[in-house]
PDB file of all heavy atoms in Angstrom:
ATOM      1  N   GLY A   1    -109.087 -99.071 -70.250  1.00  0.00           N
ATOM      2  CA  GLY A   1    -108.585 -98.451 -71.470  1.00  0.00           C
ATOM      3  C   GLY A   1    -108.610 -96.931 -71.414  1.00  0.00           C
ATOM      4  O   GLY A   1    -109.268 -96.332 -70.560  1.00  0.00           O
ATOM      5  N   THR A   2    -107.892 -96.313 -72.329  1.00  0.00           N
ATOM      6  CA  THR A   2    -107.843 -94.853 -72.446  1.00  0.00           C
ATOM      7  C   THR A   2    -108.425 -94.462 -73.801  1.00  0.00           C
ATOM      8  O   THR A   2    -107.955 -94.933 -74.838  1.00  0.00           O
ATOM      9  CB  THR A   2    -106.397 -94.339 -72.339  1.00  0.00           C
ATOM     10  OG1 THR A   2    -105.838 -94.761 -71.101  1.00  0.00           O
ATOM     11  CG2 THR A   2    -106.361 -92.821 -72.437  1.00  0.00           C
ATOM     12  N   PHE A   3    -109.422 -93.596 -73.788  1.00  0.00           N
ATOM     13  CA  PHE A   3    -110.057 -93.161 -75.030  1.00  0.00           C
ATOM     14  C   PHE A   3    -109.274 -92.008 -75.649  1.00  0.00           C
ATOM     15  O   PHE A   3    -108.861 -91.085 -74.952  1.00  0.00           O
ATOM     16  CB  PHE A   3    -111.503 -92.734 -74.785  1.00  0.00           C
ATOM     17  CG  PHE A   3    -112.433 -93.876 -74.485  1.00  0.00           C
ATOM     18  CD1 PHE A   3    -112.665 -94.273 -73.179  1.00  0.00           C
ATOM     19  CD2 PHE A   3    -113.071 -94.555 -75.514  1.00  0.00           C
ATOM     20  CE1 PHE A   3    -113.513 -95.326 -72.898  1.00  0.00           C
ATOM     21  CE2 PHE A   3    -113.919 -95.609 -75.246  1.00  0.00           C
ATOM     22  CZ  PHE A   3    -114.141 -96.000 -73.929  1.00  0.00           C
ATOM     23  N   ASN A   4    -109.088 -92.084 -76.974  1.00  0.00           N
ATOM     24  CA  ASN A   4    -108.387 -91.024 -77.706  1.00  0.00           C
ATOM     25  C   ASN A   4    -109.110 -90.747 -79.015  1.00  0.00           C
ATOM     26  O   ASN A   4    -109.727 -91.657 -79.602  1.00  0.00           O
ATOM     27  CB  ASN A   4    -106.945 -91.430 -78.023  1.00  0.00           C
ATOM     28  CG  ASN A   4    -106.045 -91.365 -76.805  1.00  0.00           C
ATOM     29  OD1 ASN A   4    -105.774 -90.288 -76.293  1.00  0.00           O
ATOM     30  ND2 ASN A   4    -105.600 -92.516 -76.323  1.00  0.00           N
ATOM     31  N   GLN A   5    -109.008 -89.513 -79.476  1.00  0.00           N
ATOM     32  CA  GLN A   5    -109.561 -89.126 -80.767  1.00  0.00           C
ATOM     33  C   GLN A   5    -108.451 -88.528 -81.620  1.00  0.00           C
ATOM     34  O   GLN A   5    -107.579 -87.810 -81.116  1.00  0.00           O
ATOM     35  CB  GLN A   5    -110.700 -88.116 -80.608  1.00  0.00           C
ATOM     36  CG  GLN A   5    -111.945 -88.709 -79.958  1.00  0.00           C
ATOM     37  CD  GLN A   5    -113.095 -87.718 -79.913  1.00  0.00           C
ATOM     38  OE1 GLN A   5    -112.897 -86.545 -79.612  1.00  0.00           O
ATOM     39  NE2 GLN A   5    -114.298 -88.192 -80.200  1.00  0.00           N
ATOM     40  N   PHE A   6    -108.474 -88.849 -82.909  1.00  0.00           N
ATOM     41  CA  PHE A   6    -107.463 -88.367 -83.842  1.00  0.00           C
ATOM     42  C   PHE A   6    -108.142 -87.791 -85.077  1.00  0.00           C
ATOM     43  O   PHE A   6    -109.166 -88.316 -85.528  1.00  0.00           O
ATOM     44  CB  PHE A   6    -106.529 -89.518 -84.259  1.00  0.00           C
ATOM     45  CG  PHE A   6    -105.731 -90.098 -83.126  1.00  0.00           C
ATOM     46  CD1 PHE A   6    -106.241 -91.146 -82.360  1.00  0.00           C
ATOM     47  CD2 PHE A   6    -104.490 -89.590 -82.807  1.00  0.00           C
ATOM     48  CE1 PHE A   6    -105.519 -91.684 -81.314  1.00  0.00           C
ATOM     49  CE2 PHE A   6    -103.754 -90.124 -81.761  1.00  0.00           C
ATOM     50  CZ  PHE A   6    -104.270 -91.171 -81.009  1.00  0.00           C
ATOM     51  N   GLN A   7    -107.558 -86.730 -85.595  1.00  0.00           N
ATOM     52  CA  GLN A   7    -108.068 -86.136 -86.823  1.00  0.00           C
ATOM     53  C   GLN A   7    -107.379 -86.770 -88.028  1.00  0.00           C
ATOM     54  O   GLN A   7    -106.304 -87.375 -87.907  1.00  0.00           O
ATOM     55  CB  GLN A   7    -107.833 -84.623 -86.823  1.00  0.00           C
ATOM     56  CG  GLN A   7    -108.619 -83.892 -85.749  1.00  0.00           C
ATOM     57  CD  GLN A   7    -108.425 -82.389 -85.818  1.00  0.00           C
ATOM     58  OE1 GLN A   7    -107.404 -81.897 -86.306  1.00  0.00           O
ATOM     59  NE2 GLN A   7    -109.398 -81.642 -85.333  1.00  0.00           N
ATOM     60  N   LYS A   8    -107.999 -86.640 -89.189  1.00  0.00           N
ATOM     61  CA  LYS A   8    -107.430 -87.189 -90.419  1.00  0.00           C
ATOM     62  C   LYS A   8    -105.990 -86.701 -90.596  1.00  0.00           C
ATOM     63  O   LYS A   8    -105.709 -85.514 -90.483  1.00  0.00           O
ATOM     64  CB  LYS A   8    -108.271 -86.777 -91.624  1.00  0.00           C
ATOM     65  CG  LYS A   8    -107.740 -87.295 -92.949  1.00  0.00           C
ATOM     66  CD  LYS A   8    -108.629 -86.877 -94.111  1.00  0.00           C
ATOM     67  CE  LYS A   8    -108.061 -87.396 -95.437  1.00  0.00           C
ATOM     68  NZ  LYS A   8    -108.908 -87.024 -96.596  1.00  0.00           N
ATOM     69  N   GLY A   9    -105.087 -87.651 -90.854  1.00  0.00           N
ATOM     70  CA  GLY A   9    -103.678 -87.321 -91.062  1.00  0.00           C
ATOM     71  C   GLY A   9    -102.827 -87.418 -89.810  1.00  0.00           C
ATOM     72  O   GLY A   9    -101.589 -87.411 -89.903  1.00  0.00           O
ATOM     73  N   ASP A  10    -103.450 -87.526 -88.631  1.00  0.00           N
ATOM     74  CA  ASP A  10    -102.683 -87.653 -87.388  1.00  0.00           C
ATOM     75  C   ASP A  10    -101.955 -88.999 -87.333  1.00  0.00           C
ATOM     76  O   ASP A  10    -102.495 -90.026 -87.755  1.00  0.00           O
ATOM     77  CB  ASP A  10    -103.602 -87.561 -86.168  1.00  0.00           C
ATOM     78  CG  ASP A  10    -104.079 -86.139 -85.891  1.00  0.00           C
ATOM     79  OD1 ASP A  10    -103.544 -85.211 -86.515  1.00  0.00           O
ATOM     80  OD2 ASP A  10    -104.980 -85.982 -85.045  1.00  0.00           O
ATOM     81  N   ILE A  11    -100.739 -88.988 -86.801  1.00  0.00           N
ATOM     82  CA  ILE A  11     -99.994 -90.234 -86.580  1.00  0.00           C
ATOM     83  C   ILE A  11    -100.411 -90.802 -85.230  1.00  0.00           C
ATOM     84  O   ILE A  11    -100.273 -90.145 -84.195  1.00  0.00           O
ATOM     85  CB  ILE A  11     -98.474 -89.984 -86.620  1.00  0.00           C
ATOM     86  CG1 ILE A  11     -98.047 -89.528 -88.024  1.00  0.00           C
ATOM     87  CG2 ILE A  11     -97.717 -91.250 -86.222  1.00  0.00           C
ATOM     88  CD1 ILE A  11     -96.576 -89.174 -88.135  1.00  0.00           C
ATOM     89  N   ILE A  12    -100.926 -92.011 -85.246  1.00  0.00           N
ATOM     90  CA  ILE A  12    -101.404 -92.669 -84.029  1.00  0.00           C
ATOM     91  C   ILE A  12    -100.282 -93.488 -83.395  1.00  0.00           C
ATOM     92  O   ILE A  12    -100.085 -93.452 -82.182  1.00  0.00           O
ATOM     93  CB  ILE A  12    -102.611 -93.558 -84.360  1.00  0.00           C
ATOM     94  CG1 ILE A  12    -103.752 -92.684 -84.913  1.00  0.00           C
ATOM     95  CG2 ILE A  12    -103.077 -94.345 -83.132  1.00  0.00           C
ATOM     96  CD1 ILE A  12    -104.877 -93.460 -85.541  1.00  0.00           C
ATOM     97  N   ILE A  13     -99.576 -94.238 -84.202  1.00  0.00           N
ATOM     98  CA  ILE A  13     -98.391 -94.997 -83.774  1.00  0.00           C
ATOM     99  C   ILE A  13     -97.295 -94.716 -84.791  1.00  0.00           C
ATOM    100  O   ILE A  13     -97.549 -94.773 -85.997  1.00  0.00           O
ATOM    101  CB  ILE A  13     -98.661 -96.513 -83.725  1.00  0.00           C
ATOM    102  CG1 ILE A  13     -99.781 -96.839 -82.737  1.00  0.00           C
ATOM    103  CG2 ILE A  13     -97.392 -97.278 -83.359  1.00  0.00           C
ATOM    104  CD1 ILE A  13    -100.230 -98.292 -82.789  1.00  0.00           C
ATOM    105  N   ASP A  14     -96.090 -94.416 -84.339  1.00  0.00           N
ATOM    106  CA  ASP A  14     -95.013 -94.117 -85.276  1.00  0.00           C
ATOM    107  C   ASP A  14     -93.941 -95.203 -85.221  1.00  0.00           C
ATOM    108  O   ASP A  14     -93.840 -95.967 -84.251  1.00  0.00           O
ATOM    109  CB  ASP A  14     -94.380 -92.760 -84.964  1.00  0.00           C
ATOM    110  CG  ASP A  14     -93.815 -92.100 -86.216  1.00  0.00           C
ATOM    111  OD1 ASP A  14     -93.798 -92.752 -87.286  1.00  0.00           O
ATOM    112  OD2 ASP A  14     -93.387 -90.940 -86.136  1.00  0.00           O
ATOM    113  N   ILE A  15     -93.143 -95.250 -86.275  1.00  0.00           N
ATOM    114  CA  ILE A  15     -92.053 -96.218 -86.359  1.00  0.00           C
ATOM    115  C   ILE A  15     -91.022 -95.933 -85.257  1.00  0.00           C
ATOM    116  O   ILE A  15     -90.699 -94.771 -84.974  1.00  0.00           O
ATOM    117  CB  ILE A  15     -91.402 -96.155 -87.752  1.00  0.00           C
ATOM    118  CG1 ILE A  15     -92.414 -96.626 -88.806  1.00  0.00           C
ATOM    119  CG2 ILE A  15     -90.141 -97.002 -87.822  1.00  0.00           C
ATOM    120  CD1 ILE A  15     -91.981 -96.387 -90.228  1.00  0.00           C
ATOM    121  N   ASN A  16     -90.563 -97.002 -84.615  1.00  0.00           N
ATOM    122  CA  ASN A  16     -89.589 -96.957 -83.515  1.00  0.00           C
ATOM    123  C   ASN A  16     -90.168 -96.412 -82.209  1.00  0.00           C
ATOM    124  O   ASN A  16     -89.424 -96.171 -81.252  1.00  0.00           O
ATOM    125  CB  ASN A  16     -88.341 -96.141 -83.896  1.00  0.00           C
ATOM    126  CG  ASN A  16     -87.503 -96.859 -84.930  1.00  0.00           C
ATOM    127  OD1 ASN A  16     -87.403 -98.085 -84.930  1.00  0.00           O
ATOM    128  ND2 ASN A  16     -86.909 -96.102 -85.842  1.00  0.00           N
ATOM    129  N   GLN A  17     -91.471 -96.233 -82.163  1.00  0.00           N
ATOM    130  CA  GLN A  17     -92.110 -95.782 -80.925  1.00  0.00           C
ATOM    131  C   GLN A  17     -92.267 -96.958 -79.957  1.00  0.00           C
ATOM    132  O   GLN A  17     -92.768 -98.010 -80.341  1.00  0.00           O
ATOM    133  CB  GLN A  17     -93.486 -95.193 -81.240  1.00  0.00           C
ATOM    134  CG  GLN A  17     -94.311 -94.815 -80.023  1.00  0.00           C
ATOM    135  CD  GLN A  17     -95.687 -94.302 -80.407  1.00  0.00           C
ATOM    136  OE1 GLN A  17     -95.876 -93.723 -81.471  1.00  0.00           O
ATOM    137  NE2 GLN A  17     -96.667 -94.528 -79.548  1.00  0.00           N
ATOM    138  N   PRO A  18     -91.829 -96.805 -78.702  1.00  0.00           N
ATOM    139  CA  PRO A  18     -92.082 -97.875 -77.714  1.00  0.00           C
ATOM    140  C   PRO A  18     -93.586 -98.039 -77.530  1.00  0.00           C
ATOM    141  O   PRO A  18     -94.319 -97.052 -77.426  1.00  0.00           O
ATOM    142  CB  PRO A  18     -91.421 -97.342 -76.440  1.00  0.00           C
ATOM    143  CG  PRO A  18     -90.450 -96.304 -76.911  1.00  0.00           C
ATOM    144  CD  PRO A  18     -91.055 -95.689 -78.128  1.00  0.00           C
ATOM    145  N   LEU A  19     -94.059 -99.270 -77.502  1.00  0.00           N
ATOM    146  CA  LEU A  19     -95.492 -99.524 -77.434  1.00  0.00           C
ATOM    147  C   LEU A  19     -95.890 -99.985 -76.040  1.00  0.00           C
ATOM    148  O   LEU A  19     -95.481-101.057 -75.589  1.00  0.00           O
ATOM    149  CB  LEU A  19     -95.883-100.577 -78.471  1.00  0.00           C
ATOM    150  CG  LEU A  19     -95.774-100.121 -79.932  1.00  0.00           C
ATOM    151  CD1 LEU A  19     -96.080-101.269 -80.880  1.00  0.00           C
ATOM    152  CD2 LEU A  19     -96.712 -98.955 -80.202  1.00  0.00           C
ATOM    153  N   LYS A  20     -96.680 -99.169 -75.362  1.00  0.00           N
ATOM    154  CA  LYS A  20     -97.199 -99.516 -74.042  1.00  0.00           C
ATOM    155  C   LYS A  20     -98.691 -99.824 -74.101  1.00  0.00           C
ATOM    156  O   LYS A  20     -99.271-100.301 -73.122  1.00  0.00           O
ATOM    157  CB  LYS A  20     -96.951 -98.364 -73.064  1.00  0.00           C
ATOM    158  CG  LYS A  20     -95.474 -98.037 -72.879  1.00  0.00           C
ATOM    159  CD  LYS A  20     -95.278 -96.891 -71.910  1.00  0.00           C
ATOM    160  CE  LYS A  20     -93.796 -96.559 -71.725  1.00  0.00           C
ATOM    161  NZ  LYS A  20     -93.603 -95.415 -70.784  1.00  0.00           N
ATOM    162  N   TYR A  21     -99.312 -99.523 -75.253  1.00  0.00           N
ATOM    163  CA  TYR A  21    -100.741 -99.745 -75.442  1.00  0.00           C
ATOM    164  C   TYR A  21    -100.971-100.314 -76.833  1.00  0.00           C
ATOM    165  O   TYR A  21    -100.168-100.119 -77.737  1.00  0.00           O
ATOM    166  CB  TYR A  21    -101.520 -98.431 -75.309  1.00  0.00           C
ATOM    167  CG  TYR A  21    -101.345 -97.726 -73.990  1.00  0.00           C
ATOM    168  CD1 TYR A  21    -100.303 -96.816 -73.792  1.00  0.00           C
ATOM    169  CD2 TYR A  21    -102.233 -97.958 -72.939  1.00  0.00           C
ATOM    170  CE1 TYR A  21    -100.147 -96.163 -72.579  1.00  0.00           C
ATOM    171  CE2 TYR A  21    -102.084 -97.311 -71.730  1.00  0.00           C
ATOM    172  CZ  TYR A  21    -101.040 -96.417 -71.555  1.00  0.00           C
ATOM    173  OH  TYR A  21    -100.888 -95.773 -70.347  1.00  0.00           O
ATOM    174  N   ILE A  22    -102.093-101.009 -77.008  1.00  0.00           N
ATOM    175  CA  ILE A  22    -102.529-101.408 -78.343  1.00  0.00           C
ATOM    176  C   ILE A  22    -103.881-100.763 -78.613  1.00  0.00           C
ATOM    177  O   ILE A  22    -104.684-100.562 -77.695  1.00  0.00           O
ATOM    178  CB  ILE A  22    -102.615-102.939 -78.499  1.00  0.00           C
ATOM    179  CG1 ILE A  22    -103.698-103.518 -77.605  1.00  0.00           C
ATOM    180  CG2 ILE A  22    -101.292-103.593 -78.222  1.00  0.00           C
ATOM    181  CD1 ILE A  22    -104.410-104.679 -78.197  1.00  0.00           C
ATOM    182  N   PRO A  23    -104.170-100.417 -79.876  1.00  0.00           N
ATOM    183  CA  PRO A  23    -105.402 -99.697 -80.185  1.00  0.00           C
ATOM    184  C   PRO A  23    -106.549-100.621 -80.588  1.00  0.00           C
ATOM    185  O   PRO A  23    -106.365-101.587 -81.324  1.00  0.00           O
ATOM    186  CB  PRO A  23    -104.975 -98.836 -81.380  1.00  0.00           C
ATOM    187  CG  PRO A  23    -103.961 -99.693 -82.099  1.00  0.00           C
ATOM    188  CD  PRO A  23    -103.238-100.472 -81.022  1.00  0.00           C
ATOM    189  N   LEU A  24    -107.741-100.323 -80.107  1.00  0.00           N
ATOM    190  CA  LEU A  24    -108.971-100.881 -80.649  1.00  0.00           C
ATOM    191  C   LEU A  24    -109.713 -99.732 -81.316  1.00  0.00           C
ATOM    192  O   LEU A  24    -109.984 -98.711 -80.679  1.00  0.00           O
ATOM    193  CB  LEU A  24    -109.847-101.492 -79.552  1.00  0.00           C
ATOM    194  CG  LEU A  24    -109.330-102.722 -78.819  1.00  0.00           C
ATOM    195  CD1 LEU A  24    -110.361-103.172 -77.775  1.00  0.00           C
ATOM    196  CD2 LEU A  24    -109.045-103.854 -79.780  1.00  0.00           C
ATOM    197  N   LEU A  25    -110.015 -99.880 -82.601  1.00  0.00           N
ATOM    198  CA  LEU A  25    -110.615 -98.794 -83.369  1.00  0.00           C
ATOM    199  C   LEU A  25    -112.131 -98.794 -83.179  1.00  0.00           C
ATOM    200  O   LEU A  25    -112.808 -99.774 -83.486  1.00  0.00           O
ATOM    201  CB  LEU A  25    -110.248 -98.947 -84.842  1.00  0.00           C
ATOM    202  CG  LEU A  25    -110.698 -97.837 -85.789  1.00  0.00           C
ATOM    203  CD1 LEU A  25    -110.189 -96.474 -85.327  1.00  0.00           C
ATOM    204  CD2 LEU A  25    -110.198 -98.123 -87.205  1.00  0.00           C
ATOM    205  N   LEU A  26    -112.664 -97.690 -82.662  1.00  0.00           N
ATOM    206  CA  LEU A  26    -114.096 -97.562 -82.402  1.00  0.00           C
ATOM    207  C   LEU A  26    -114.836 -96.911 -83.564  1.00  0.00           C
ATOM    208  O   LEU A  26    -115.974 -97.276 -83.873  1.00  0.00           O
ATOM    209  CB  LEU A  26    -114.329 -96.741 -81.126  1.00  0.00           C
ATOM    210  CG  LEU A  26    -113.718 -97.311 -79.851  1.00  0.00           C
ATOM    211  CD1 LEU A  26    -113.927 -96.350 -78.678  1.00  0.00           C
ATOM    212  CD2 LEU A  26    -114.320 -98.664 -79.519  1.00  0.00           C
ATOM    213  N   SER A  27    -114.197 -95.938 -84.193  1.00  0.00           N
ATOM    214  CA  SER A  27    -114.809 -95.286 -85.354  1.00  0.00           C
ATOM    215  C   SER A  27    -113.706 -94.724 -86.241  1.00  0.00           C
ATOM    216  O   SER A  27    -112.594 -94.458 -85.780  1.00  0.00           O
ATOM    217  CB  SER A  27    -115.759 -94.157 -84.921  1.00  0.00           C
ATOM    218  OG  SER A  27    -115.039 -93.094 -84.309  1.00  0.00           O
ATOM    219  N   GLY A  28    -114.020 -94.566 -87.536  1.00  0.00           N
ATOM    220  CA  GLY A  28    -113.040 -94.034 -88.480  1.00  0.00           C
ATOM    221  C   GLY A  28    -112.264 -95.135 -89.182  1.00  0.00           C
ATOM    222  O   GLY A  28    -112.615 -96.315 -89.101  1.00  0.00           O
ATOM    223  N   HIS A  29    -111.183 -94.728 -89.845  1.00  0.00           N
ATOM    224  CA  HIS A  29    -110.319 -95.655 -90.579  1.00  0.00           C
ATOM    225  C   HIS A  29    -108.865 -95.309 -90.292  1.00  0.00           C
ATOM    226  O   HIS A  29    -108.520 -94.137 -90.108  1.00  0.00           O
ATOM    227  CB  HIS A  29    -110.559 -95.564 -92.090  1.00  0.00           C
ATOM    228  CG  HIS A  29    -111.913 -95.998 -92.518  1.00  0.00           C
ATOM    229  ND1 HIS A  29    -112.513 -95.532 -93.666  1.00  0.00           N
ATOM    230  CD2 HIS A  29    -112.797 -96.851 -91.959  1.00  0.00           C
ATOM    231  CE1 HIS A  29    -113.705 -96.081 -93.795  1.00  0.00           C
ATOM    232  NE2 HIS A  29    -113.899 -96.872 -92.769  1.00  0.00           N
ATOM    233  N   ILE A  30    -108.001 -96.316 -90.290  1.00  0.00           N
ATOM    234  CA  ILE A  30    -106.566 -96.128 -90.086  1.00  0.00           C
ATOM    235  C   ILE A  30    -105.821 -96.870 -91.183  1.00  0.00           C
ATOM    236  O   ILE A  30    -106.221 -97.965 -91.576  1.00  0.00           O
ATOM    237  CB  ILE A  30    -106.126 -96.675 -88.712  1.00  0.00           C
ATOM    238  CG1 ILE A  30    -106.787 -95.888 -87.586  1.00  0.00           C
ATOM    239  CG2 ILE A  30    -104.601 -96.625 -88.559  1.00  0.00           C
ATOM    240  CD1 ILE A  30    -106.529 -96.475 -86.214  1.00  0.00           C
ATOM    241  N   LYS A  31    -104.750 -96.280 -91.704  1.00  0.00           N
ATOM    242  CA  LYS A  31    -103.896 -97.006 -92.639  1.00  0.00           C
ATOM    243  C   LYS A  31    -102.562 -97.323 -91.972  1.00  0.00           C
ATOM    244  O   LYS A  31    -102.027 -96.514 -91.204  1.00  0.00           O
ATOM    245  CB  LYS A  31    -103.696 -96.246 -93.946  1.00  0.00           C
ATOM    246  CG  LYS A  31    -103.033 -94.887 -93.858  1.00  0.00           C
ATOM    247  CD  LYS A  31    -102.965 -94.267 -95.249  1.00  0.00           C
ATOM    248  CE  LYS A  31    -102.345 -92.868 -95.216  1.00  0.00           C
ATOM    249  NZ  LYS A  31    -102.294 -92.266 -96.571  1.00  0.00           N
ATOM    250  N   ILE A  32    -102.075 -98.525 -92.236  1.00  0.00           N
ATOM    251  CA  ILE A  32    -100.834 -99.020 -91.654  1.00  0.00           C
ATOM    252  C   ILE A  32     -99.759 -98.998 -92.732  1.00  0.00           C
ATOM    253  O   ILE A  32     -99.935 -99.560 -93.817  1.00  0.00           O
ATOM    254  CB  ILE A  32    -101.008-100.450 -91.109  1.00  0.00           C
ATOM    255  CG1 ILE A  32    -102.183-100.505 -90.125  1.00  0.00           C
ATOM    256  CG2 ILE A  32     -99.722-100.925 -90.453  1.00  0.00           C
ATOM    257  CD1 ILE A  32    -102.038 -99.596 -88.928  1.00  0.00           C
ATOM    258  N   LEU A  33     -98.633 -98.340 -92.430  1.00  0.00           N
ATOM    259  CA  LEU A  33     -97.573 -98.094 -93.410  1.00  0.00           C
ATOM    260  C   LEU A  33     -96.237 -98.632 -92.922  1.00  0.00           C
ATOM    261  O   LEU A  33     -95.970 -98.678 -91.720  1.00  0.00           O
ATOM    262  CB  LEU A  33     -97.439 -96.589 -93.667  1.00  0.00           C
ATOM    263  CG  LEU A  33     -98.702 -95.826 -94.070  1.00  0.00           C
ATOM    264  CD1 LEU A  33     -98.532 -94.342 -93.813  1.00  0.00           C
ATOM    265  CD2 LEU A  33     -99.026 -96.071 -95.533  1.00  0.00           C
ATOM    266  N   ARG A  34     -95.406 -99.016 -93.882  1.00  0.00           N
ATOM    267  CA  ARG A  34     -93.996 -99.301 -93.629  1.00  0.00           C
ATOM    268  C   ARG A  34     -93.167 -98.208 -94.289  1.00  0.00           C
ATOM    269  O   ARG A  34     -93.630 -97.536 -95.212  1.00  0.00           O
ATOM    270  CB  ARG A  34     -93.616-100.670 -94.199  1.00  0.00           C
ATOM    271  CG  ARG A  34     -94.056-101.832 -93.340  1.00  0.00           C
ATOM    272  CD  ARG A  34     -93.149-102.053 -92.149  1.00  0.00           C
ATOM    273  NE  ARG A  34     -91.841-102.572 -92.555  1.00  0.00           N
ATOM    274  CZ  ARG A  34     -90.740-102.455 -91.819  1.00  0.00           C
ATOM    275  NH1 ARG A  34     -90.759-101.816 -90.676  1.00  0.00           N
ATOM    276  NH2 ARG A  34     -89.612-102.980 -92.237  1.00  0.00           N
ATOM    277  N   GLU A  35     -91.927 -98.037 -93.817  1.00  0.00           N
ATOM    278  CA  GLU A  35     -91.061 -96.984 -94.348  1.00  0.00           C
ATOM    279  C   GLU A  35     -89.683 -97.567 -94.642  1.00  0.00           C
ATOM    280  O   GLU A  35     -89.150 -98.360 -93.850  1.00  0.00           O
ATOM    281  CB  GLU A  35     -90.955 -95.853 -93.325  1.00  0.00           C
ATOM    282  CG  GLU A  35     -90.162 -94.652 -93.802  1.00  0.00           C
ATOM    283  CD  GLU A  35     -90.082 -93.573 -92.738  1.00  0.00           C
ATOM    284  OE1 GLU A  35     -89.223 -93.698 -91.840  1.00  0.00           O
ATOM    285  OE2 GLU A  35     -90.877 -92.629 -92.796  1.00  0.00           O
ATOM    286  N   ASP A  36     -89.102 -97.165 -95.807  1.00  0.00           N
ATOM    287  CA  ASP A  36     -87.757 -97.632 -96.122  1.00  0.00           C
ATOM    288  C   ASP A  36     -86.717 -96.673 -95.541  1.00  0.00           C
ATOM    289  O   ASP A  36     -87.048 -95.700 -94.853  1.00  0.00           O
ATOM    290  CB  ASP A  36     -87.585 -97.827 -97.638  1.00  0.00           C
ATOM    291  CG  ASP A  36     -87.643 -96.516 -98.423  1.00  0.00           C
ATOM    292  OD1 ASP A  36     -87.527 -95.420 -97.816  1.00  0.00           O
ATOM    293  OD2 ASP A  36     -87.812 -96.568 -99.658  1.00  0.00           O
ATOM    294  N   HIS A  37     -85.445 -96.940 -95.833  1.00  0.00           N
ATOM    295  CA  HIS A  37     -84.359 -96.140 -95.250  1.00  0.00           C
ATOM    296  C   HIS A  37     -84.319 -94.713 -95.795  1.00  0.00           C
ATOM    297  O   HIS A  37     -83.645 -93.856 -95.220  1.00  0.00           O
ATOM    298  CB  HIS A  37     -83.014 -96.825 -95.503  1.00  0.00           C
ATOM    299  CG  HIS A  37     -82.872 -98.163 -94.844  1.00  0.00           C
ATOM    300  ND1 HIS A  37     -82.940 -98.337 -93.476  1.00  0.00           N
ATOM    301  CD2 HIS A  37     -82.697 -99.411 -95.358  1.00  0.00           C
ATOM    302  CE1 HIS A  37     -82.794 -99.605 -93.170  1.00  0.00           C
ATOM    303  NE2 HIS A  37     -82.655-100.292 -94.302  1.00  0.00           N
ATOM    304  N   HIS A  38     -85.020 -94.474 -96.893  1.00  0.00           N
ATOM    305  CA  HIS A  38     -85.051 -93.133 -97.490  1.00  0.00           C
ATOM    306  C   HIS A  38     -86.300 -92.354 -97.096  1.00  0.00           C
ATOM    307  O   HIS A  38     -86.525 -91.254 -97.593  1.00  0.00           O
ATOM    308  CB  HIS A  38     -84.973 -93.247 -99.011  1.00  0.00           C
ATOM    309  CG  HIS A  38     -83.765 -93.991 -99.513  1.00  0.00           C
ATOM    310  ND1 HIS A  38     -82.486 -93.461 -99.438  1.00  0.00           N
ATOM    311  CD2 HIS A  38     -83.633 -95.221-100.074  1.00  0.00           C
ATOM    312  CE1 HIS A  38     -81.620 -94.329 -99.936  1.00  0.00           C
ATOM    313  NE2 HIS A  38     -82.291 -95.411-100.332  1.00  0.00           N
ATOM    314  N   GLY A  39     -87.115 -92.914 -96.227  1.00  0.00           N
ATOM    315  CA  GLY A  39     -88.320 -92.224 -95.781  1.00  0.00           C
ATOM    316  C   GLY A  39     -89.531 -92.440 -96.668  1.00  0.00           C
ATOM    317  O   GLY A  39     -90.565 -91.803 -96.450  1.00  0.00           O
ATOM    318  N   ASN A  40     -89.427 -93.316 -97.673  1.00  0.00           N
ATOM    319  CA  ASN A  40     -90.567 -93.600 -98.546  1.00  0.00           C
ATOM    320  C   ASN A  40     -91.503 -94.597 -97.863  1.00  0.00           C
ATOM    321  O   ASN A  40     -91.054 -95.579 -97.278  1.00  0.00           O
ATOM    322  CB  ASN A  40     -90.083 -94.180 -99.884  1.00  0.00           C
ATOM    323  CG  ASN A  40     -89.169 -93.227-100.627  1.00  0.00           C
ATOM    324  OD1 ASN A  40     -89.504 -92.070-100.827  1.00  0.00           O
ATOM    325  ND2 ASN A  40     -87.999 -93.712-101.010  1.00  0.00           N
ATOM    326  N   GLU A  41     -92.803 -94.326 -97.961  1.00  0.00           N
ATOM    327  CA  GLU A  41     -93.788 -95.163 -97.288  1.00  0.00           C
ATOM    328  C   GLU A  41     -94.455 -96.128 -98.265  1.00  0.00           C
ATOM    329  O   GLU A  41     -94.550 -95.862 -99.461  1.00  0.00           O
ATOM    330  CB  GLU A  41     -94.866 -94.289 -96.632  1.00  0.00           C
ATOM    331  CG  GLU A  41     -94.344 -93.431 -95.490  1.00  0.00           C
ATOM    332  CD  GLU A  41     -95.404 -92.545 -94.899  1.00  0.00           C
ATOM    333  OE1 GLU A  41     -96.366 -92.189 -95.619  1.00  0.00           O
ATOM    334  OE2 GLU A  41     -95.285 -92.189 -93.715  1.00  0.00           O
ATOM    335  N   LEU A  42     -94.943 -97.240 -97.724  1.00  0.00           N
ATOM    336  CA  LEU A  42     -95.690 -98.216 -98.499  1.00  0.00           C
ATOM    337  C   LEU A  42     -96.885 -98.669 -97.674  1.00  0.00           C
ATOM    338  O   LEU A  42     -96.740 -99.062 -96.519  1.00  0.00           O
ATOM    339  CB  LEU A  42     -94.821 -99.429 -98.841  1.00  0.00           C
ATOM    340  CG  LEU A  42     -95.533-100.573 -99.584  1.00  0.00           C
ATOM    341  CD1 LEU A  42     -95.943-100.117-100.984  1.00  0.00           C
ATOM    342  CD2 LEU A  42     -94.638-101.804 -99.670  1.00  0.00           C
ATOM    343  N   LEU A  43     -98.073 -98.588 -98.274  1.00  0.00           N
ATOM    344  CA  LEU A  43     -99.287 -99.021 -97.594  1.00  0.00           C
ATOM    345  C   LEU A  43     -99.283-100.538 -97.413  1.00  0.00           C
ATOM    346  O   LEU A  43     -99.039-101.282 -98.365  1.00  0.00           O
ATOM    347  CB  LEU A  43    -100.512 -98.598 -98.407  1.00  0.00           C
ATOM    348  CG  LEU A  43    -101.864 -99.085 -97.895  1.00  0.00           C
ATOM    349  CD1 LEU A  43    -102.209 -98.419 -96.569  1.00  0.00           C
ATOM    350  CD2 LEU A  43    -102.952 -98.827 -98.927  1.00  0.00           C
TER     351      LEU A  43
END
């Protein structure tokens, strides 16, 4: 695995991003969002 650190507000995975890795969360919290065609997000 590859270790990474992110600060509050950082995007870890973005919409339409090709996925070559999956995350295991070691510390902190992450929120998962969906986005509509107008850019509005929903938790």
